[in-house]
Amino acid sequence: MQDQLWVEPVGDLIIARLRGVPTEAILSECQDRVLQLVKDTGHGKVLYDGLELEPPHVDVVLSQQKLDAKLGPIRLRRAIVVPNTRLAFLARLAFGEGDYRVFYNDITAAITWLGGDSNPAH
């Protein structure tokens, strides 16, 4: 899992980089690490770098919705960067109605969008 997931604060952003085919366990670990950093830093802006992701099974995608249902009062603004339309569709399915936007191969635009509106972690 160590080489598939990297989550670190960078400035006022939290960057989560995922590689390969994610599993429910990897998504859960990612969410746990993101939420711990949100709590530690007070920043709720998250950049998900999925440029090296491979499409998972739809059940794995839907597990992200279950994780988000447990957020409670924590508010996240998320930018998801993907390499293709298939992963963009899966990202939209995974994050549903949340405050997020999907970007195609454009980390710079994602960072700019995240910086455009302050959003507290609670």
N, C-alpha and C. Protein backbone atom coordinates (compact mmCIF):
# COMPACT_ATOMS: atom_id res chain seq x y z
N MET A 1 0.84 -1.20 0.00
CA MET A 1 0.00 0.00 0.00
C MET A 1 0.87 1.25 0.00
N GLN A 2 2.06 1.16 0.60
CA GLN A 2 2.94 2.32 0.74
C GLN A 2 3.26 2.96 -0.61
N ASP A 3 3.49 2.14 -1.65
CA ASP A 3 3.83 2.70 -2.95
C ASP A 3 2.60 3.11 -3.76
N GLN A 4 1.40 2.79 -3.28
CA GLN A 4 0.18 3.16 -3.98
C GLN A 4 -0.46 4.43 -3.42
N LEU A 5 -0.05 4.85 -2.22
CA LEU A 5 -0.71 5.96 -1.56
C LEU A 5 0.30 6.87 -0.89
N TRP A 6 0.14 8.16 -1.14
CA TRP A 6 0.99 9.17 -0.53
C TRP A 6 0.08 10.33 -0.15
N VAL A 7 0.06 10.72 1.13
CA VAL A 7 -0.79 11.81 1.59
C VAL A 7 0.06 12.73 2.46
N GLU A 8 0.17 14.01 2.06
CA GLU A 8 0.99 14.98 2.78
C GLU A 8 0.39 16.37 2.68
N PRO A 9 0.62 17.20 3.70
CA PRO A 9 0.23 18.61 3.58
C PRO A 9 1.31 19.35 2.78
N VAL A 10 0.85 20.23 1.90
CA VAL A 10 1.76 21.08 1.13
C VAL A 10 1.15 22.49 1.16
N GLY A 11 1.75 23.37 1.95
CA GLY A 11 1.17 24.69 2.13
C GLY A 11 -0.19 24.54 2.81
N ASP A 12 -1.22 25.17 2.23
CA ASP A 12 -2.55 25.06 2.81
C ASP A 12 -3.40 23.98 2.13
N LEU A 13 -2.73 23.11 1.37
CA LEU A 13 -3.42 22.00 0.71
C LEU A 13 -3.00 20.68 1.34
N ILE A 14 -3.86 19.70 1.19
CA ILE A 14 -3.51 18.32 1.49
C ILE A 14 -3.49 17.62 0.14
N ILE A 15 -2.38 16.98 -0.17
CA ILE A 15 -2.25 16.28 -1.45
C ILE A 15 -2.27 14.79 -1.20
N ALA A 16 -3.18 14.11 -1.89
CA ALA A 16 -3.29 12.65 -1.82
C ALA A 16 -3.01 12.11 -3.21
N ARG A 17 -1.95 11.35 -3.33
CA ARG A 17 -1.57 10.76 -4.62
C ARG A 17 -1.83 9.25 -4.55
N LEU A 18 -2.63 8.78 -5.49
CA LEU A 18 -2.96 7.36 -5.55
C LEU A 18 -2.46 6.79 -6.87
N ARG A 19 -1.92 5.56 -6.80
CA ARG A 19 -1.38 4.90 -8.00
C ARG A 19 -1.94 3.49 -8.12
N GLY A 20 -1.99 3.00 -9.34
CA GLY A 20 -2.44 1.63 -9.57
C GLY A 20 -3.94 1.48 -9.42
N VAL A 21 -4.37 0.27 -9.13
CA VAL A 21 -5.79 -0.03 -8.95
C VAL A 21 -6.11 0.09 -7.46
N PRO A 22 -6.91 1.07 -7.06
CA PRO A 22 -7.22 1.22 -5.64
C PRO A 22 -8.18 0.13 -5.15
N THR A 23 -8.04 -0.18 -3.89
CA THR A 23 -8.96 -1.11 -3.22
C THR A 23 -9.75 -0.32 -2.18
N GLU A 24 -10.76 -0.95 -1.60
CA GLU A 24 -11.51 -0.30 -0.53
C GLU A 24 -10.59 0.03 0.64
N ALA A 25 -9.64 -0.84 0.92
CA ALA A 25 -8.70 -0.61 2.02
C ALA A 25 -7.83 0.62 1.75
N ILE A 26 -7.39 0.79 0.51
CA ILE A 26 -6.56 1.94 0.16
C ILE A 26 -7.38 3.22 0.26
N LEU A 27 -8.62 3.21 -0.24
CA LEU A 27 -9.47 4.40 -0.14
C LEU A 27 -9.76 4.75 1.31
N SER A 28 -9.98 3.75 2.13
CA SER A 28 -10.23 3.99 3.55
C SER A 28 -8.99 4.58 4.23
N GLU A 29 -7.83 4.02 3.94
CA GLU A 29 -6.58 4.54 4.49
C GLU A 29 -6.35 5.98 4.03
N CYS A 30 -6.61 6.25 2.77
CA CYS A 30 -6.47 7.61 2.23
C CYS A 30 -7.38 8.57 2.98
N GLN A 31 -8.65 8.20 3.12
CA GLN A 31 -9.61 9.05 3.82
C GLN A 31 -9.16 9.30 5.27
N ASP A 32 -8.71 8.25 5.95
CA ASP A 32 -8.26 8.40 7.34
C ASP A 32 -7.09 9.37 7.43
N ARG A 33 -6.13 9.23 6.52
CA ARG A 33 -4.95 10.09 6.56
C ARG A 33 -5.30 11.53 6.19
N VAL A 34 -6.19 11.71 5.20
CA VAL A 34 -6.64 13.06 4.84
C VAL A 34 -7.33 13.70 6.03
N LEU A 35 -8.26 12.99 6.66
CA LEU A 35 -9.01 13.56 7.77
C LEU A 35 -8.10 13.88 8.97
N GLN A 36 -7.10 13.06 9.20
CA GLN A 36 -6.17 13.36 10.29
C GLN A 36 -5.40 14.64 9.99
N LEU A 37 -4.99 14.82 8.73
CA LEU A 37 -4.28 16.05 8.36
C LEU A 37 -5.20 17.27 8.41
N VAL A 38 -6.46 17.09 8.04
CA VAL A 38 -7.43 18.19 8.15
C VAL A 38 -7.54 18.61 9.61
N LYS A 39 -7.64 17.63 10.48
CA LYS A 39 -7.73 17.91 11.91
C LYS A 39 -6.45 18.59 12.42
N ASP A 40 -5.29 18.09 11.99
CA ASP A 40 -4.01 18.63 12.46
C ASP A 40 -3.70 20.02 11.92
N THR A 41 -4.07 20.27 10.65
CA THR A 41 -3.70 21.54 10.00
C THR A 41 -4.81 22.57 9.99
N GLY A 42 -6.06 22.12 10.10
CA GLY A 42 -7.19 23.04 9.99
C GLY A 42 -7.52 23.42 8.56
N HIS A 43 -6.88 22.77 7.58
CA HIS A 43 -7.13 23.05 6.16
C HIS A 43 -7.98 21.94 5.56
N GLY A 44 -9.04 22.32 4.84
CA GLY A 44 -9.95 21.34 4.25
C GLY A 44 -9.91 21.29 2.74
N LYS A 45 -8.80 21.76 2.14
CA LYS A 45 -8.67 21.72 0.68
C LYS A 45 -7.78 20.54 0.32
N VAL A 46 -8.33 19.64 -0.51
CA VAL A 46 -7.63 18.40 -0.81
C VAL A 46 -7.49 18.24 -2.32
N LEU A 47 -6.26 17.95 -2.75
CA LEU A 47 -5.98 17.64 -4.16
C LEU A 47 -5.73 16.14 -4.25
N TYR A 48 -6.59 15.44 -4.99
CA TYR A 48 -6.39 14.02 -5.25
C TYR A 48 -5.72 13.89 -6.61
N ASP A 49 -4.48 13.41 -6.61
CA ASP A 49 -3.74 13.19 -7.85
C ASP A 49 -3.95 11.74 -8.26
N GLY A 50 -4.80 11.56 -9.26
CA GLY A 50 -5.10 10.22 -9.76
C GLY A 50 -4.53 9.97 -11.13
N LEU A 51 -3.48 10.70 -11.50
CA LEU A 51 -2.93 10.57 -12.85
C LEU A 51 -2.33 9.20 -13.12
N GLU A 52 -1.97 8.47 -12.07
CA GLU A 52 -1.40 7.14 -12.25
C GLU A 52 -2.36 6.04 -11.77
N LEU A 53 -3.64 6.41 -11.62
CA LEU A 53 -4.65 5.43 -11.22
C LEU A 53 -5.08 4.57 -12.41
N GLU A 54 -5.48 3.36 -12.09
CA GLU A 54 -6.13 2.49 -13.05
C GLU A 54 -7.55 2.26 -12.54
N PRO A 55 -8.51 2.12 -13.44
CA PRO A 55 -9.91 2.01 -13.01
C PRO A 55 -10.16 0.81 -12.09
N PRO A 56 -10.78 1.07 -10.94
CA PRO A 56 -11.15 -0.02 -10.04
C PRO A 56 -12.54 -0.54 -10.38
N HIS A 57 -12.94 -1.61 -9.71
CA HIS A 57 -14.29 -2.14 -9.83
C HIS A 57 -15.26 -1.12 -9.25
N VAL A 58 -16.47 -1.06 -9.75
CA VAL A 58 -17.44 -0.06 -9.31
C VAL A 58 -17.76 -0.17 -7.81
N ASP A 59 -17.67 -1.36 -7.24
CA ASP A 59 -17.90 -1.50 -5.80
C ASP A 59 -16.89 -0.71 -4.99
N VAL A 60 -15.65 -0.67 -5.46
CA VAL A 60 -14.61 0.10 -4.79
C VAL A 60 -14.94 1.59 -4.90
N VAL A 61 -15.38 2.01 -6.06
CA VAL A 61 -15.76 3.41 -6.29
C VAL A 61 -16.88 3.81 -5.33
N LEU A 62 -17.89 2.97 -5.21
CA LEU A 62 -19.02 3.28 -4.34
C LEU A 62 -18.65 3.29 -2.86
N SER A 63 -17.56 2.62 -2.50
CA SER A 63 -17.13 2.63 -1.10
C SER A 63 -16.72 4.04 -0.68
N GLN A 64 -16.30 4.88 -1.63
CA GLN A 64 -15.94 6.27 -1.29
C GLN A 64 -17.19 7.03 -0.81
N GLN A 65 -18.34 6.76 -1.40
CA GLN A 65 -19.57 7.40 -0.94
C GLN A 65 -19.86 7.04 0.51
N LYS A 66 -19.62 5.79 0.89
CA LYS A 66 -19.84 5.36 2.27
C LYS A 66 -18.88 6.08 3.21
N LEU A 67 -17.63 6.25 2.77
CA LEU A 67 -16.66 6.97 3.59
C LEU A 67 -17.09 8.42 3.78
N ASP A 68 -17.56 9.04 2.71
CA ASP A 68 -17.98 10.44 2.79
C ASP A 68 -19.21 10.62 3.69
N ALA A 69 -20.06 9.60 3.73
CA ALA A 69 -21.25 9.69 4.58
C ALA A 69 -20.87 9.80 6.06
N LYS A 70 -19.65 9.41 6.40
CA LYS A 70 -19.19 9.45 7.79
C LYS A 70 -18.44 10.74 8.13
N LEU A 71 -18.37 11.69 7.20
CA LEU A 71 -17.61 12.92 7.45
C LEU A 71 -18.18 13.78 8.56
N GLY A 72 -19.48 13.74 8.74
CA GLY A 72 -20.11 14.58 9.76
C GLY A 72 -19.94 16.05 9.43
N PRO A 73 -19.51 16.86 10.42
CA PRO A 73 -19.41 18.30 10.21
C PRO A 73 -18.17 18.74 9.42
N ILE A 74 -17.27 17.81 9.11
CA ILE A 74 -16.06 18.17 8.37
C ILE A 74 -16.42 18.52 6.94
N ARG A 75 -15.97 19.70 6.51
CA ARG A 75 -16.25 20.15 5.15
C ARG A 75 -14.95 20.14 4.36
N LEU A 76 -14.99 19.45 3.22
CA LEU A 76 -13.82 19.35 2.36
C LEU A 76 -14.12 19.96 1.00
N ARG A 77 -13.14 20.64 0.46
CA ARG A 77 -13.20 21.11 -0.93
C ARG A 77 -12.15 20.30 -1.67
N ARG A 78 -12.58 19.51 -2.66
CA ARG A 78 -11.68 18.55 -3.28
C ARG A 78 -11.56 18.75 -4.78
N ALA A 79 -10.33 18.67 -5.25
CA ALA A 79 -10.04 18.67 -6.68
C ALA A 79 -9.47 17.30 -7.00
N ILE A 80 -10.03 16.66 -8.01
CA ILE A 80 -9.58 15.33 -8.40
C ILE A 80 -9.00 15.43 -9.81
N VAL A 81 -7.74 15.06 -9.95
CA VAL A 81 -7.06 15.13 -11.24
C VAL A 81 -6.95 13.71 -11.79
N VAL A 82 -7.47 13.51 -13.00
CA VAL A 82 -7.51 12.18 -13.62
C VAL A 82 -6.96 12.26 -15.05
N PRO A 83 -6.53 11.12 -15.59
CA PRO A 83 -5.95 11.12 -16.93
C PRO A 83 -6.94 10.90 -18.07
N ASN A 84 -8.17 10.44 -17.77
CA ASN A 84 -9.08 10.11 -18.87
C ASN A 84 -10.54 10.18 -18.43
N THR A 85 -11.42 10.06 -19.42
CA THR A 85 -12.86 10.20 -19.14
C THR A 85 -13.41 9.06 -18.30
N ARG A 86 -12.87 7.88 -18.43
CA ARG A 86 -13.37 6.75 -17.62
C ARG A 86 -13.13 7.02 -16.14
N LEU A 87 -11.94 7.46 -15.79
CA LEU A 87 -11.66 7.77 -14.38
C LEU A 87 -12.42 9.01 -13.93
N ALA A 88 -12.66 9.95 -14.83
CA ALA A 88 -13.46 11.13 -14.47
C ALA A 88 -14.88 10.70 -14.10
N PHE A 89 -15.46 9.80 -14.89
CA PHE A 89 -16.80 9.30 -14.58
C PHE A 89 -16.81 8.60 -13.23
N LEU A 90 -15.82 7.75 -12.98
CA LEU A 90 -15.75 7.03 -11.71
C LEU A 90 -15.55 7.99 -10.54
N ALA A 91 -14.77 9.04 -10.74
CA ALA A 91 -14.57 10.03 -9.68
C ALA A 91 -15.88 10.74 -9.36
N ARG A 92 -16.63 11.10 -10.38
CA ARG A 92 -17.92 11.76 -10.14
C ARG A 92 -18.88 10.82 -9.41
N LEU A 93 -18.84 9.56 -9.75
CA LEU A 93 -19.66 8.57 -9.08
C LEU A 93 -19.21 8.42 -7.62
N ALA A 94 -17.92 8.41 -7.38
CA ALA A 94 -17.38 8.22 -6.03
C ALA A 94 -17.70 9.38 -5.11
N PHE A 95 -17.60 10.62 -5.61
CA PHE A 95 -17.73 11.78 -4.74
C PHE A 95 -19.12 12.40 -4.77
N GLY A 96 -20.00 11.92 -5.64
CA GLY A 96 -21.40 12.31 -5.62
C GLY A 96 -21.68 13.79 -5.56
N GLU A 97 -22.32 14.22 -4.49
CA GLU A 97 -22.81 15.60 -4.36
C GLU A 97 -21.86 16.52 -3.60
N GLY A 98 -20.67 16.09 -3.30
CA GLY A 98 -19.76 16.89 -2.48
C GLY A 98 -19.24 18.13 -3.19
N ASP A 99 -18.45 18.91 -2.48
CA ASP A 99 -17.81 20.11 -3.03
C ASP A 99 -16.50 19.67 -3.68
N TYR A 100 -16.59 19.32 -4.96
CA TYR A 100 -15.41 18.84 -5.68
C TYR A 100 -15.52 19.23 -7.14
N ARG A 101 -14.39 19.09 -7.82
CA ARG A 101 -14.36 19.29 -9.26
C ARG A 101 -13.32 18.34 -9.83
N VAL A 102 -13.60 17.78 -11.00
CA VAL A 102 -12.69 16.86 -11.67
C VAL A 102 -11.93 17.62 -12.75
N PHE A 103 -10.63 17.38 -12.82
CA PHE A 103 -9.76 18.01 -13.80
C PHE A 103 -9.05 16.93 -14.61
N TYR A 104 -8.90 17.18 -15.91
CA TYR A 104 -8.21 16.26 -16.79
C TYR A 104 -6.76 16.69 -16.95
N ASN A 105 -5.84 15.91 -16.39
CA ASN A 105 -4.40 16.12 -16.58
C ASN A 105 -3.91 17.52 -16.25
N ASP A 106 -4.58 18.25 -15.38
CA ASP A 106 -4.21 19.64 -15.13
C ASP A 106 -4.14 19.95 -13.63
N ILE A 107 -3.02 19.60 -13.03
CA ILE A 107 -2.83 19.83 -11.60
C ILE A 107 -2.81 21.33 -11.30
N THR A 108 -2.24 22.12 -12.18
CA THR A 108 -2.17 23.57 -11.96
C THR A 108 -3.57 24.17 -11.86
N ALA A 109 -4.47 23.80 -12.77
CA ALA A 109 -5.84 24.31 -12.72
C ALA A 109 -6.55 23.84 -11.44
N ALA A 110 -6.27 22.62 -11.03
CA ALA A 110 -6.89 22.09 -9.81
C ALA A 110 -6.44 22.89 -8.59
N ILE A 111 -5.15 23.19 -8.52
CA ILE A 111 -4.63 23.97 -7.39
C ILE A 111 -5.21 25.38 -7.41
N THR A 112 -5.31 25.96 -8.58
CA THR A 112 -5.89 27.30 -8.71
C THR A 112 -7.35 27.30 -8.24
N TRP A 113 -8.11 26.29 -8.65
CA TRP A 113 -9.51 26.19 -8.23
C TRP A 113 -9.62 26.02 -6.71
N LEU A 114 -8.77 25.19 -6.14
CA LEU A 114 -8.80 25.00 -4.69
C LEU A 114 -8.48 26.28 -3.95
N GLY A 115 -7.59 27.09 -4.51
CA GLY A 115 -7.21 28.34 -3.85
C GLY A 115 -8.21 29.46 -4.03
N GLY A 116 -9.18 29.27 -4.90
CA GLY A 116 -10.12 30.32 -5.24
C GLY A 116 -11.16 30.62 -4.19
N ASP A 117 -11.35 29.74 -3.23
CA ASP A 117 -12.40 29.96 -2.23
C ASP A 117 -11.94 29.32 -0.93
N SER A 118 -11.88 30.11 0.10
CA SER A 118 -11.48 29.52 1.39
C SER A 118 -12.62 28.68 1.92
N ASN A 119 -12.26 27.53 2.45
CA ASN A 119 -13.27 26.61 2.97
C ASN A 119 -12.71 26.00 4.24
N PRO A 120 -13.26 26.33 5.39
CA PRO A 120 -12.74 25.81 6.65
C PRO A 120 -12.96 24.30 6.77
N ALA A 121 -12.17 23.69 7.59
CA ALA A 121 -12.27 22.25 7.79
C ALA A 121 -13.47 21.86 8.63
N HIS A 122 -14.10 22.79 9.35
CA HIS A 122 -15.28 22.42 10.12
C HIS A 122 -16.44 23.30 9.80
